[in-house]
Amino acid sequence: MAKVRTQFICQNCGTVHSRWAGKCDGCGEWNTIVEEDPTGGIGSGPGKVPKKGRAVTLTSLSGEIEEAPRIHTGISELDRATGGGFVRGSAVLIGGDPGIGKSTLLMQAAAALSRKGHRIIYVSGEEAVAQVRLRAQRLDAANTDVMLAAETNVEDILATIGEGKRPDLVIIDSIQTLWSDLADSAPGTVTQVRTGVQAMIRFAKQTGAAMVLVGHVTKEGQIAGPRVVEHMVDAVLYFEGDRGHHYRILRTVKNRFGPTDEIGVFEMSDRGLREVSNPSELFLGERNEKAPGAAVFAGIEGTRPVLVEVQALVAPTSLGTPRRAVVGWDSSRLAMILAVLEAHCGVRLGQHDVYLNVAGGYRISEPAADMAVASALVSSLAGLALPADCVYFGEVSLSGAIRPVAHTAQRLKEAEKLGFSAALLPAASADMPKGAGGRWTEIDSLPDLVARIAGSKSALRPADDE
């Protein structure tokens, strides 16, 4: 009989090694390689004879398209992030930092669906039944018909949720606690996580029940376990937020049944998570309109326009190397903006510390914030406050030109709805609104923007003072 070779698998990235090593060659992490038996798990085992395949029916791309049946939770921000609700027979993976509110959100969603008559099963692998009941009482969900279980064995969970009437939604909290008899490794290892997720997805596809899986995240913010888990599920959502702020963002990273980069905004309170229907008002709630170095950026998250304040502080430094501190934006992007300002606009920041912050703990990922960041930096350096009724958006190129960005009409419409009557935006934007009543000023290059801010105080007055 052939000798079975053991494998050494990295618990951070899933890279397979032929022997143990202190450092993983795939991700560079130390002390993450664990010995595992390759004979355990689905589809493994030496000497298996492959069965003869059967021919499947081929079809064309044209034909009728049936819309995926969805389960609407009634929580509009959650439905927005999932693309309109949970799709029957799909698997959704939700990740987030510990204590960010994943279990709270799912308990509120389970209670809302249960009140609509859906059969909901909540399986907790981290907490006892009494602990989950305490959370349910705090969230006013204890009087619903949500079925609860505290179990970590995959086979026992499948036997439990497979009994009786088919559930409409199954919540597994969390996948890192699951273990299966088919794998010989410890819970939380790559083999156990992969085996457990495969079994849950198979149950969802066979029965038509929607499956929600909660995943832990690593210190880098990625969902722990093998990367293949994110490819196996139908949707991946990240629950983001800063414990120093009361808001939370549910961000869609992958969705086979809806748009990606969509967000749902919630506010944490002692009664659970509250929906924020207008995030712009939340991020602009404590704005100081007369302070230099503050610019309002009109951004887009998925299909939703969001207005947020970008704050900059430029101060002389006493250090040999000036400090660059960024919160809520890409530090490399800030370095590029500073270089363009110095090379093409003559703005000398080499002897100044630069601090940049996105108000409210929000994080900006799109390059359209370049113009707002540059405006805030020049405003702080010149000591002149920007107009209180003006928004900024546009991408800055290395040549100093301002490049157009998408969704111009949506950004301007959101700004007008919140009382902003002026905007500085790139020239030749493709989707400018027709007949708009606001004062939209098109900017061709970054030197033109700097000249407007630093050279003309009349251009910095609000509309009421002109």
Protein backbone atom coordinates (compact mmCIF):
# COMPACT_ATOMS: atom_id res chain seq x y z
CA MET A 1 0.00 0.00 0.00
CA ALA A 2 1.31 3.42 -0.95
CA LYS A 3 2.44 5.62 1.90
CA VAL A 4 0.18 8.59 2.55
CA ARG A 5 2.09 11.86 2.43
CA THR A 6 1.07 14.56 4.87
CA GLN A 7 0.67 18.14 3.76
CA PHE A 8 1.62 21.37 5.46
CA ILE A 9 -0.96 24.09 4.81
CA CYS A 10 -0.75 27.78 5.69
CA GLN A 11 -3.72 28.76 7.84
CA ASN A 12 -3.61 32.34 6.54
CA CYS A 13 -3.57 31.92 2.75
CA GLY A 14 -4.01 28.17 2.14
CA THR A 15 -0.66 27.60 0.40
CA VAL A 16 0.35 23.91 0.44
CA HIS A 17 3.97 23.10 1.40
CA SER A 18 5.75 19.78 1.12
CA ARG A 19 7.37 20.24 4.54
CA TRP A 20 7.06 22.48 7.56
CA ALA A 21 8.67 25.92 7.52
CA GLY A 22 8.56 28.86 9.85
CA LYS A 23 7.58 31.34 7.15
CA CYS A 24 4.95 30.84 4.45
CA ASP A 25 6.20 31.38 0.89
CA GLY A 26 2.74 32.48 -0.26
CA CYS A 27 1.83 35.28 2.16
CA GLY A 28 5.02 35.81 4.13
CA GLU A 29 3.40 35.19 7.53
CA TRP A 30 5.29 33.42 10.30
CA ASN A 31 4.15 30.35 12.28
CA THR A 32 0.99 29.79 10.24
CA ILE A 33 1.91 26.43 8.64
CA VAL A 34 0.12 23.44 10.18
CA GLU A 35 0.41 19.76 9.28
CA GLU A 36 -2.85 18.30 7.95
CA ASP A 37 -3.90 14.91 6.65
CA PRO A 38 -4.77 15.08 2.92
CA THR A 39 -6.94 11.98 3.17
CA GLY A 40 -9.53 13.91 5.16
CA GLY A 41 -12.01 16.20 3.44
CA ILE A 42 -14.28 16.06 0.45
CA GLY A 43 -12.77 14.81 -2.77
CA SER A 44 -9.53 13.57 -1.21
CA GLY A 45 -7.97 10.16 -0.70
CA PRO A 46 -5.39 8.25 -2.72
CA GLY A 47 -6.17 5.65 -5.33
CA LYS A 48 -9.68 6.80 -6.21
CA VAL A 49 -10.80 5.71 -9.67
CA PRO A 50 -12.57 8.55 -11.46
CA LYS A 51 -16.02 7.68 -12.68
CA LYS A 52 -17.04 8.11 -16.27
CA GLY A 53 -18.65 11.48 -16.91
CA ARG A 54 -22.03 12.06 -18.48
CA ALA A 55 -22.77 14.47 -21.28
CA VAL A 56 -24.69 17.62 -20.35
CA THR A 57 -27.10 19.55 -22.55
CA LEU A 58 -25.65 22.59 -24.30
CA THR A 59 -27.78 25.66 -24.90
CA SER A 60 -27.46 29.12 -26.45
CA LEU A 61 -27.01 32.50 -24.82
CA SER A 62 -30.40 33.73 -26.03
CA GLY A 63 -33.56 32.79 -24.17
CA GLU A 64 -35.85 33.83 -21.38
CA ILE A 65 -34.28 35.11 -18.17
CA GLU A 66 -36.00 34.48 -14.87
CA GLU A 67 -35.35 36.99 -12.12
CA ALA A 68 -33.86 35.40 -9.02
CA PRO A 69 -36.49 35.04 -6.26
CA ARG A 70 -35.55 37.15 -3.27
CA ILE A 71 -36.41 37.37 0.41
CA HIS A 72 -36.88 41.02 1.37
CA THR A 73 -35.87 41.67 4.96
CA GLY A 74 -37.59 45.02 5.30
CA ILE A 75 -34.29 46.57 6.45
CA SER A 76 -33.75 48.84 3.46
CA GLU A 77 -30.01 49.35 3.95
CA LEU A 78 -29.42 45.59 4.16
CA ASP A 79 -31.60 44.99 1.11
CA ARG A 80 -29.67 47.68 -0.77
CA ALA A 81 -26.30 46.06 0.01
CA THR A 82 -27.51 42.59 -1.05
CA GLY A 83 -29.05 43.91 -4.26
CA GLY A 84 -32.69 43.71 -3.18
CA GLY A 85 -32.74 41.00 -0.51
CA PHE A 86 -31.40 37.49 0.03
CA VAL A 87 -31.67 35.23 -3.03
CA ARG A 88 -33.15 31.80 -2.37
CA GLY A 89 -30.55 29.07 -2.72
CA SER A 90 -27.62 31.48 -2.44
CA ALA A 91 -24.77 31.70 0.06
CA VAL A 92 -23.72 35.06 1.49
CA LEU A 93 -20.47 35.59 3.42
CA ILE A 94 -20.35 38.51 5.88
CA GLY A 95 -17.03 39.52 7.42
CA GLY A 96 -15.99 42.21 9.87
CA ASP A 97 -13.91 43.06 12.91
CA PRO A 98 -14.84 41.52 16.27
CA GLY A 99 -17.59 43.49 18.00
CA ILE A 100 -18.44 45.56 14.92
CA GLY A 101 -22.09 44.39 14.94
CA LYS A 102 -22.33 41.39 12.58
CA SER A 103 -24.37 39.27 14.97
CA THR A 104 -26.52 42.25 15.91
CA LEU A 105 -27.39 42.98 12.29
CA LEU A 106 -28.19 39.36 11.51
CA MET A 107 -30.34 39.00 14.62
CA GLN A 108 -32.33 42.07 13.61
CA ALA A 109 -32.70 40.71 10.06
CA ALA A 110 -33.78 37.29 11.39
CA ALA A 111 -36.40 38.90 13.63
CA ALA A 112 -37.72 41.07 10.80
CA LEU A 113 -38.08 38.07 8.46
CA SER A 114 -39.66 35.95 11.18
CA ARG A 115 -42.34 38.59 11.72
CA LYS A 116 -43.16 38.29 8.01
CA GLY A 117 -43.82 34.55 8.41
CA HIS A 118 -40.50 33.17 7.15
CA ARG A 119 -38.86 30.18 8.84
CA ILE A 120 -35.48 31.31 10.15
CA ILE A 121 -32.82 29.16 11.81
CA TYR A 122 -29.95 30.83 13.69
CA VAL A 123 -26.99 28.55 14.48
CA SER A 124 -24.39 29.99 16.84
CA GLY A 125 -21.00 28.34 17.18
CA GLU A 126 -19.44 30.99 19.41
CA GLU A 127 -22.11 31.76 21.99
CA ALA A 128 -24.37 29.72 24.19
CA VAL A 129 -28.12 29.80 23.80
CA ALA A 130 -28.49 32.04 26.85
CA GLN A 131 -26.09 34.63 25.42
CA VAL A 132 -27.96 34.77 22.11
CA ARG A 133 -31.24 35.14 24.00
CA LEU A 134 -29.84 38.11 25.92
CA ARG A 135 -28.97 39.84 22.65
CA ALA A 136 -32.42 39.04 21.26
CA GLN A 137 -34.08 40.62 24.31
CA ARG A 138 -31.98 43.76 23.95
CA LEU A 139 -32.96 44.03 20.28
CA ASP A 140 -36.68 43.32 20.91
CA ALA A 141 -36.37 40.09 18.91
CA ALA A 142 -37.15 37.60 21.68
CA ASN A 143 -40.88 37.53 20.84
CA THR A 144 -40.31 36.18 17.31
CA ASP A 145 -40.31 32.60 16.01
CA VAL A 146 -36.60 32.46 15.14
CA MET A 147 -35.31 28.92 15.79
CA LEU A 148 -32.02 28.87 17.70
CA ALA A 149 -29.28 26.28 18.10
CA ALA A 150 -25.75 26.28 19.52
CA GLU A 151 -23.75 23.70 17.56
CA THR A 152 -20.43 23.47 15.72
CA ASN A 153 -20.50 20.00 14.11
CA VAL A 154 -21.32 20.26 10.39
CA GLU A 155 -23.15 16.93 10.17
CA ASP A 156 -25.30 17.72 13.21
CA ILE A 157 -26.17 21.15 11.81
CA LEU A 158 -27.19 19.71 8.44
CA ALA A 159 -29.33 17.07 10.13
CA THR A 160 -31.01 19.73 12.27
CA ILE A 161 -31.83 22.25 9.55
CA GLY A 162 -32.87 19.45 7.18
CA GLU A 163 -35.67 18.27 9.47
CA GLY A 164 -39.25 19.33 8.87
CA LYS A 165 -40.18 22.26 6.68
CA ARG A 166 -37.44 23.82 4.58
CA PRO A 167 -36.03 26.98 6.22
CA ASP A 168 -36.12 30.22 4.26
CA LEU A 169 -32.92 31.55 5.82
CA VAL A 170 -30.11 29.85 7.76
CA ILE A 171 -27.53 31.94 9.64
CA ILE A 172 -24.23 30.28 10.63
CA ASP A 173 -22.20 32.30 13.14
CA SER A 174 -19.37 31.65 12.40
CA ILE A 175 -17.66 29.41 9.81
CA GLN A 176 -14.36 29.36 11.75
CA THR A 177 -16.02 27.39 14.56
CA LEU A 178 -17.36 24.60 12.32
CA TRP A 179 -15.76 21.16 12.24
CA SER A 180 -16.61 18.06 10.25
CA ASP A 181 -16.02 14.35 10.78
CA LEU A 182 -14.70 14.18 7.22
CA ALA A 183 -11.59 16.18 8.13
CA ASP A 184 -9.08 15.24 10.81
CA SER A 185 -7.73 18.75 11.48
CA ALA A 186 -8.73 21.17 14.22
CA PRO A 187 -11.63 23.67 13.87
CA GLY A 188 -10.64 26.89 12.16
CA THR A 189 -8.00 25.30 9.93
CA VAL A 190 -8.10 25.66 6.16
CA THR A 191 -9.38 22.12 5.61
CA GLN A 192 -12.19 22.42 8.17
CA VAL A 193 -13.32 25.84 6.93
CA ARG A 194 -13.35 24.68 3.32
CA THR A 195 -15.21 21.48 4.18
CA GLY A 196 -17.81 23.27 6.29
CA VAL A 197 -18.48 25.96 3.69
CA GLN A 198 -18.80 23.34 0.93
CA ALA A 199 -21.38 21.44 2.96
CA MET A 200 -23.43 24.56 3.73
CA ILE A 201 -23.39 25.77 0.13
CA ARG A 202 -24.44 22.31 -1.07
CA PHE A 203 -27.41 22.36 1.32
CA ALA A 204 -28.44 25.83 0.10
CA LYS A 205 -28.31 24.84 -3.58
CA GLN A 206 -30.20 21.58 -3.04
CA THR A 207 -32.99 22.95 -0.85
CA GLY A 208 -33.33 26.55 -2.05
CA ALA A 209 -32.73 28.01 1.41
CA ALA A 210 -30.72 31.21 1.68
CA MET A 211 -27.51 30.70 3.66
CA VAL A 212 -25.68 33.49 5.52
CA LEU A 213 -22.17 32.69 6.80
CA VAL A 214 -20.30 34.91 9.24
CA GLY A 215 -16.52 35.01 8.87
CA HIS A 216 -13.74 36.35 11.08
CA VAL A 217 -11.20 38.76 9.63
CA THR A 218 -7.42 38.85 9.91
CA LYS A 219 -5.38 41.79 11.15
CA GLU A 220 -5.13 42.97 7.53
CA GLY A 221 -8.93 43.16 7.33
CA GLN A 222 -9.37 40.12 5.04
CA ILE A 223 -11.75 37.26 5.83
CA ALA A 224 -9.76 34.54 7.58
CA GLY A 225 -9.39 31.13 6.01
CA PRO A 226 -8.66 30.02 2.47
CA ARG A 227 -9.24 32.60 -0.25
CA VAL A 228 -11.26 30.04 -2.18
CA VAL A 229 -14.16 30.53 0.28
CA GLU A 230 -14.88 33.96 -1.21
CA HIS A 231 -14.99 32.38 -4.67
CA MET A 232 -17.36 29.63 -3.56
CA VAL A 233 -20.10 31.88 -2.15
CA ASP A 234 -22.46 34.04 -4.21
CA ALA A 235 -21.95 37.30 -2.33
CA VAL A 236 -19.31 38.75 -0.01
CA LEU A 237 -20.13 41.64 2.30
CA TYR A 238 -17.80 43.46 4.67
CA PHE A 239 -19.15 45.16 7.78
CA GLU A 240 -16.89 48.15 8.37
CA GLY A 241 -16.65 50.86 10.96
CA ASP A 242 -14.52 52.49 13.63
CA ARG A 243 -15.29 51.85 17.27
CA GLY A 244 -14.66 55.53 17.90
CA HIS A 245 -17.61 56.42 15.66
CA HIS A 246 -21.22 55.35 15.92
CA TYR A 247 -21.83 54.55 12.26
CA ARG A 248 -21.29 51.25 10.45
CA ILE A 249 -21.04 50.52 6.71
CA LEU A 250 -22.07 47.26 5.07
CA ARG A 251 -20.04 47.16 1.87
CA THR A 252 -20.68 44.73 -1.00
CA VAL A 253 -17.45 43.33 -2.46
CA LYS A 254 -18.93 40.54 -4.59
CA ASN A 255 -22.51 39.85 -5.67
CA ARG A 256 -23.59 37.46 -8.39
CA PHE A 257 -27.17 38.74 -8.24
CA GLY A 258 -26.68 42.50 -7.97
CA PRO A 259 -24.28 45.44 -8.18
CA THR A 260 -20.94 45.46 -6.39
CA ASP A 261 -19.44 48.36 -4.43
CA GLU A 262 -22.89 49.05 -2.99
CA ILE A 263 -23.11 50.17 0.63
CA GLY A 264 -25.66 50.22 3.42
CA VAL A 265 -25.16 52.68 6.28
CA PHE A 266 -26.20 52.00 9.87
CA GLU A 267 -25.88 53.83 13.16
CA MET A 268 -25.05 51.87 16.30
CA SER A 269 -27.17 52.56 19.37
CA ASP A 270 -28.05 50.83 22.63
CA ARG A 271 -31.10 49.34 20.89
CA GLY A 272 -29.11 47.85 18.03
CA LEU A 273 -28.40 49.13 14.54
CA ARG A 274 -30.50 51.94 13.09
CA GLU A 275 -30.75 52.59 9.36
CA VAL A 276 -29.30 55.82 7.96
CA SER A 277 -31.31 56.66 4.86
CA ASN A 278 -29.26 59.80 4.07
CA PRO A 279 -25.55 59.20 4.85
CA SER A 280 -24.53 62.64 3.57
CA GLU A 281 -26.33 64.36 6.44
CA LEU A 282 -24.57 62.03 8.88
CA PHE A 283 -21.07 62.77 7.55
CA LEU A 284 -21.72 66.54 7.29
CA GLY A 285 -23.54 66.88 10.61
CA GLU A 286 -20.74 68.56 12.62
CA ARG A 287 -19.19 70.66 9.87
CA ASN A 288 -17.41 73.95 10.59
CA GLU A 289 -18.09 76.07 7.53
CA LYS A 290 -15.62 78.86 8.38
CA ALA A 291 -12.53 76.74 9.08
CA PRO A 292 -9.73 76.67 6.46
CA GLY A 293 -8.68 73.32 5.08
CA ALA A 294 -12.14 71.75 4.74
CA ALA A 295 -13.66 70.75 1.40
CA VAL A 296 -16.86 68.82 0.72
CA PHE A 297 -16.35 65.89 -1.64
CA ALA A 298 -19.25 64.55 -3.70
CA GLY A 299 -18.53 60.84 -3.99
CA ILE A 300 -20.26 57.74 -5.30
CA GLU A 301 -20.56 54.41 -3.47
CA GLY A 302 -22.04 51.85 -5.85
CA THR A 303 -25.22 53.57 -7.02
CA ARG A 304 -25.49 55.94 -4.05
CA PRO A 305 -24.05 59.48 -3.99
CA VAL A 306 -22.41 60.39 -0.67
CA LEU A 307 -21.19 63.81 0.43
CA VAL A 308 -18.37 63.83 2.98
CA GLU A 309 -16.01 66.47 4.33
CA VAL A 310 -12.27 66.20 3.63
CA GLN A 311 -10.16 67.98 6.26
CA ALA A 312 -6.51 69.00 5.81
CA LEU A 313 -4.03 70.65 8.14
CA VAL A 314 -0.75 72.03 6.78
CA ALA A 315 1.65 73.27 9.48
CA PRO A 316 5.37 74.16 9.50
CA THR A 317 7.55 71.33 10.69
CA SER A 318 10.54 71.28 13.01
CA LEU A 319 11.60 67.81 11.85
CA GLY A 320 14.11 66.96 9.18
CA THR A 321 11.54 64.82 7.39
CA PRO A 322 8.02 66.32 7.31
CA ARG A 323 5.26 64.10 8.61
CA ARG A 324 2.43 62.81 6.40
CA ALA A 325 -0.55 61.39 8.31
CA VAL A 326 -3.67 60.15 6.50
CA VAL A 327 -6.94 58.82 7.92
CA GLY A 328 -9.62 57.57 5.53
CA TRP A 329 -7.67 57.91 2.28
CA ASP A 330 -4.76 56.33 0.43
CA SER A 331 -1.41 57.65 1.66
CA SER A 332 0.23 56.96 -1.72
CA ARG A 333 -2.45 59.04 -3.42
CA LEU A 334 -1.74 61.91 -1.04
CA ALA A 335 1.97 61.74 -1.89
CA MET A 336 1.07 62.01 -5.58
CA ILE A 337 -1.15 65.06 -5.02
CA LEU A 338 1.59 66.77 -3.03
CA ALA A 339 4.10 66.10 -5.81
CA VAL A 340 1.77 67.48 -8.50
CA LEU A 341 1.06 70.60 -6.42
CA GLU A 342 4.79 71.27 -6.05
CA ALA A 343 5.79 70.41 -9.63
CA HIS A 344 3.00 72.15 -11.57
CA CYS A 345 1.50 74.70 -9.17
CA GLY A 346 4.52 75.97 -7.23
CA VAL A 347 2.95 75.02 -3.89
CA ARG A 348 5.91 74.26 -1.60
CA LEU A 349 5.01 71.74 1.07
CA GLY A 350 8.46 70.24 1.66
CA GLN A 351 8.86 72.13 4.97
CA HIS A 352 5.35 71.45 6.24
CA ASP A 353 3.67 68.60 8.05
CA VAL A 354 0.51 67.45 6.27
CA TYR A 355 -2.42 65.84 8.07
CA LEU A 356 -5.43 64.62 6.10
CA ASN A 357 -8.65 63.26 7.58
CA VAL A 358 -12.01 62.17 6.19
CA ALA A 359 -14.67 63.32 8.63
CA GLY A 360 -16.78 60.78 10.47
CA GLY A 361 -14.31 57.91 10.05
CA TYR A 362 -15.49 57.33 6.49
CA ARG A 363 -13.02 55.83 3.98
CA ILE A 364 -12.76 57.09 0.39
CA SER A 365 -11.54 54.71 -2.29
CA GLU A 366 -12.32 56.43 -5.59
CA PRO A 367 -9.80 58.77 -7.32
CA ALA A 368 -12.50 61.43 -7.82
CA ALA A 369 -11.54 62.82 -4.40
CA ASP A 370 -8.26 64.22 -5.77
CA MET A 371 -9.66 67.71 -6.41
CA ALA A 372 -11.29 67.91 -2.97
CA VAL A 373 -8.02 66.87 -1.29
CA ALA A 374 -5.99 69.39 -3.30
CA SER A 375 -8.49 72.15 -2.47
CA ALA A 376 -8.34 71.35 1.24
CA LEU A 377 -4.52 71.34 1.22
CA VAL A 378 -4.23 74.71 -0.56
CA SER A 379 -6.97 76.20 1.64
CA SER A 380 -5.13 75.17 4.81
CA LEU A 381 -1.79 76.44 3.53
CA ALA A 382 -3.26 79.80 2.47
CA GLY A 383 -5.43 80.12 5.59
CA LEU A 384 -8.54 80.84 3.52
CA ALA A 385 -11.84 79.06 4.08
CA LEU A 386 -13.50 77.50 1.06
CA PRO A 387 -17.10 78.39 0.12
CA ALA A 388 -19.59 76.73 2.43
CA ASP A 389 -22.01 75.98 -0.43
CA CYS A 390 -19.52 74.36 -2.84
CA VAL A 391 -18.61 70.72 -3.53
CA TYR A 392 -15.52 69.36 -5.29
CA PHE A 393 -14.80 66.24 -7.32
CA GLY A 394 -12.38 65.30 -10.11
CA GLU A 395 -9.33 63.14 -10.73
CA VAL A 396 -5.89 64.77 -10.90
CA SER A 397 -3.38 63.38 -13.39
CA LEU A 398 0.40 63.55 -13.08
CA SER A 399 0.49 66.32 -15.70
CA GLY A 400 -1.72 68.51 -13.53
CA ALA A 401 -4.83 68.09 -15.68
CA ILE A 402 -8.24 67.47 -14.13
CA ARG A 403 -9.82 64.35 -15.61
CA PRO A 404 -13.59 63.77 -15.80
CA VAL A 405 -15.21 61.17 -13.57
CA ALA A 406 -18.39 59.16 -13.88
CA HIS A 407 -21.84 59.89 -12.41
CA THR A 408 -21.52 63.68 -12.57
CA ALA A 409 -25.28 64.20 -12.67
CA GLN A 410 -25.87 62.05 -9.56
CA ARG A 411 -23.19 63.89 -7.59
CA LEU A 412 -24.62 67.31 -8.49
CA LYS A 413 -28.19 66.20 -7.78
CA GLU A 414 -27.23 65.01 -4.29
CA ALA A 415 -25.33 68.25 -3.62
CA GLU A 416 -28.29 70.35 -4.75
CA LYS A 417 -30.65 68.33 -2.56
CA LEU A 418 -28.52 69.12 0.52
CA GLY A 419 -28.37 72.84 -0.18
CA PHE A 420 -25.06 73.13 -2.08
CA SER A 421 -25.51 75.61 -4.94
CA ALA A 422 -21.98 75.58 -6.39
CA ALA A 423 -19.51 72.94 -7.57
CA LEU A 424 -16.01 72.78 -8.99
CA LEU A 425 -15.80 69.84 -11.37
CA PRO A 426 -13.73 68.63 -14.34
CA ALA A 427 -14.28 70.17 -17.73
CA ALA A 428 -15.96 68.14 -20.48
CA SER A 429 -17.84 65.88 -18.10
CA ALA A 430 -19.94 63.47 -20.13
CA ASP A 431 -23.18 63.41 -18.12
CA MET A 432 -23.67 67.03 -17.08
CA PRO A 433 -27.30 67.72 -16.11
CA LYS A 434 -29.26 69.79 -18.59
CA GLY A 435 -30.73 73.05 -17.38
CA ALA A 436 -29.30 72.77 -13.86
CA GLY A 437 -29.82 75.81 -11.68
CA GLY A 438 -26.59 75.58 -9.72
CA ARG A 439 -23.31 77.38 -10.37
CA TRP A 440 -21.15 74.63 -11.80
CA THR A 441 -17.57 75.76 -12.56
CA GLU A 442 -15.50 73.57 -14.85
CA ILE A 443 -11.76 73.32 -14.08
CA ASP A 444 -9.24 72.23 -16.73
CA SER A 445 -6.07 71.95 -14.66
CA LEU A 446 -4.85 71.96 -11.09
CA PRO A 447 -3.01 75.32 -11.44
CA ASP A 448 -6.36 76.89 -12.33
CA LEU A 449 -7.86 75.46 -9.14
CA VAL A 450 -4.97 76.73 -7.00
CA ALA A 451 -5.25 80.20 -8.55
CA ARG A 452 -8.95 80.33 -7.72
CA ILE A 453 -8.36 79.44 -4.07
CA ALA A 454 -5.20 81.38 -3.30
CA GLY A 455 -5.52 84.36 -5.64
CA SER A 456 -9.10 85.56 -5.34
CA LYS A 457 -10.83 86.03 -2.00
CA SER A 458 -14.04 86.99 -3.78
CA ALA A 459 -14.24 83.49 -5.20
CA LEU A 460 -14.10 82.13 -1.66
CA ARG A 461 -17.19 83.90 -0.36
CA PRO A 462 -20.50 82.04 -0.04
CA ALA A 463 -23.20 82.76 -2.58
CA ASP A 464 -25.13 85.01 -0.17
CA ASP A 465 -22.19 87.43 0.14
CA GLU A 466 -21.56 87.90 -3.57
